[in-house]
Amino acid sequence: MISPSDPAPKPSAVAQTLGHSCADVLIRRNLVAEEDKEMIAEVINRFSGVAESVTSELSRRCLIREQNESAVTEFTKREVRRYLLKLNDLSGADLGRILGVNRLTASRIMKGTSNLTTEQIKKLAG
């Protein structure tokens, strides 16, 4: 049984890396302040990179400006996709081969300008 005095579980190394990776992208794009990096990484880890939830929480904590919310959501989604490929030691070209699509379509999927079909999702899961 966990008592209130027990320390909170730490996010996995994978989640910590995802949080910092996303925070670095948002900082480079001047969407967030560098001094807020640790708080931003913590939010991303807490919500496992779910972009809409991340953006909502960062906004609630006043860590992003309202006019930057959609950009933060999009860059978070892109970075999560890139991170998952890297975690599985795959490139964009590998993604294209797995899905049976050309390089341009794979790039569009990575950028979020093209959606995965049900069949493609099954290929990734299999």
Protein backbone atom coordinates (compact mmCIF):
# COMPACT_ATOMS: atom_id res chain seq x y z
CA MET A 1 0.00 0.00 0.00
CA ILE A 2 1.27 3.47 -0.86
CA SER A 3 1.17 5.99 1.94
CA PRO A 4 0.93 9.77 1.45
CA SER A 5 4.54 10.10 2.59
CA ASP A 6 5.85 7.84 -0.20
CA PRO A 7 7.62 9.78 -2.94
CA ALA A 8 5.76 10.14 -6.22
CA PRO A 9 6.90 7.68 -8.87
CA LYS A 10 9.44 9.15 -11.25
CA PRO A 11 8.64 9.20 -14.96
CA SER A 12 10.56 6.66 -16.99
CA ALA A 13 13.79 7.69 -18.71
CA VAL A 14 11.89 7.43 -21.99
CA ALA A 15 9.25 9.91 -20.84
CA GLN A 16 11.88 12.27 -19.44
CA THR A 17 13.69 12.23 -22.75
CA LEU A 18 10.43 12.91 -24.62
CA GLY A 19 9.63 15.86 -22.35
CA HIS A 20 13.04 17.44 -22.77
CA SER A 21 13.10 16.75 -26.51
CA CYS A 22 9.73 18.49 -26.98
CA ALA A 23 10.72 21.35 -24.68
CA ASP A 24 13.92 21.89 -26.69
CA VAL A 25 11.93 22.16 -29.93
CA LEU A 26 9.47 24.62 -28.40
CA ILE A 27 12.36 26.73 -27.06
CA ARG A 28 14.16 26.74 -30.44
CA ARG A 29 10.93 27.92 -32.08
CA ASN A 30 10.61 30.72 -29.48
CA LEU A 31 7.23 29.39 -28.38
CA VAL A 32 8.26 29.04 -24.73
CA ALA A 33 10.88 30.57 -22.47
CA GLU A 34 14.09 28.63 -21.86
CA GLU A 35 13.89 29.24 -18.11
CA ASP A 36 10.63 27.23 -18.09
CA LYS A 37 12.21 24.15 -19.71
CA GLU A 38 11.99 21.85 -16.68
CA MET A 39 8.35 22.73 -15.97
CA ILE A 40 7.46 22.25 -19.64
CA ALA A 41 9.26 18.89 -19.78
CA GLU A 42 7.41 17.82 -16.63
CA VAL A 43 4.03 18.71 -18.19
CA ILE A 44 4.88 16.82 -21.39
CA ASN A 45 5.96 13.79 -19.37
CA ARG A 46 2.85 13.97 -17.20
CA PHE A 47 0.53 13.93 -20.20
CA SER A 48 2.68 11.44 -22.16
CA GLY A 49 3.02 13.85 -25.05
CA VAL A 50 -0.73 14.12 -25.80
CA ALA A 51 -0.43 17.47 -27.52
CA GLU A 52 -3.85 18.96 -26.78
CA SER A 53 -3.56 18.12 -23.07
CA VAL A 54 0.01 19.45 -22.97
CA THR A 55 -1.05 22.73 -24.60
CA SER A 56 -4.02 23.11 -22.28
CA GLU A 57 -1.89 22.57 -19.17
CA LEU A 58 0.91 24.88 -20.37
CA SER A 59 -1.69 27.54 -21.06
CA ARG A 60 -3.31 27.01 -17.65
CA ARG A 61 0.10 27.48 -16.03
CA CYS A 62 0.69 30.63 -18.14
CA LEU A 63 3.79 29.09 -19.74
CA ILE A 64 2.62 29.85 -23.29
CA ARG A 65 0.83 32.77 -24.89
CA GLU A 66 -2.65 32.25 -26.29
CA GLN A 67 -1.53 33.13 -29.83
CA ASN A 68 1.08 30.32 -29.63
CA GLU A 69 -1.28 27.54 -28.54
CA SER A 70 -1.92 26.00 -31.97
CA ALA A 71 1.79 26.11 -32.86
CA VAL A 72 2.71 24.45 -29.55
CA THR A 73 0.15 21.71 -30.22
CA GLU A 74 1.47 21.07 -33.74
CA PHE A 75 5.16 21.07 -32.79
CA THR A 76 4.45 18.78 -29.83
CA LYS A 77 2.64 16.32 -32.12
CA ARG A 78 5.53 16.37 -34.63
CA GLU A 79 8.17 15.88 -31.98
CA VAL A 80 6.27 12.97 -30.41
CA ARG A 81 6.12 11.26 -33.83
CA ARG A 82 9.85 11.84 -34.42
CA TYR A 83 10.67 10.66 -30.93
CA LEU A 84 8.69 7.43 -31.36
CA LEU A 85 10.50 6.68 -34.62
CA LYS A 86 13.85 7.33 -32.96
CA LEU A 87 12.87 5.20 -29.98
CA ASN A 88 12.16 2.32 -32.35
CA ASP A 89 15.32 3.02 -34.37
CA LEU A 90 13.34 3.88 -37.51
CA SER A 91 13.77 6.62 -40.11
CA GLY A 92 11.12 8.33 -42.19
CA ALA A 93 12.13 6.08 -45.09
CA ASP A 94 11.60 3.04 -42.84
CA LEU A 95 8.14 4.34 -41.98
CA GLY A 96 7.35 4.63 -45.69
CA ARG A 97 8.50 1.05 -46.33
CA ILE A 98 6.48 -0.32 -43.40
CA LEU A 99 3.35 1.52 -44.51
CA GLY A 100 3.88 0.82 -48.21
CA VAL A 101 3.88 4.52 -49.14
CA ASN A 102 6.35 6.74 -50.94
CA ARG A 103 8.75 9.05 -49.15
CA LEU A 104 6.59 12.15 -49.71
CA THR A 105 3.56 10.53 -48.10
CA ALA A 106 5.68 9.31 -45.18
CA SER A 107 6.98 12.87 -44.74
CA ARG A 108 3.42 14.22 -44.75
CA ILE A 109 2.43 11.69 -42.10
CA MET A 110 5.38 12.77 -39.96
CA LYS A 111 4.44 16.45 -40.36
CA GLY A 112 0.81 15.73 -39.58
CA THR A 113 -0.48 17.00 -42.93
CA SER A 114 -1.61 13.50 -43.92
CA ASN A 115 -3.45 11.07 -41.68
CA LEU A 116 -2.85 7.36 -41.27
CA THR A 117 -5.47 5.03 -42.67
CA THR A 118 -6.89 2.21 -40.56
CA GLU A 119 -4.86 -0.27 -42.61
CA GLN A 120 -1.64 1.71 -42.00
CA ILE A 121 -2.31 1.83 -38.26
CA LYS A 122 -2.72 -1.96 -38.30
CA LYS A 123 0.64 -2.29 -40.10
CA LEU A 124 2.34 -0.18 -37.44
CA ALA A 125 0.72 -2.13 -34.62
CA GLY A 126 1.57 -5.52 -36.17
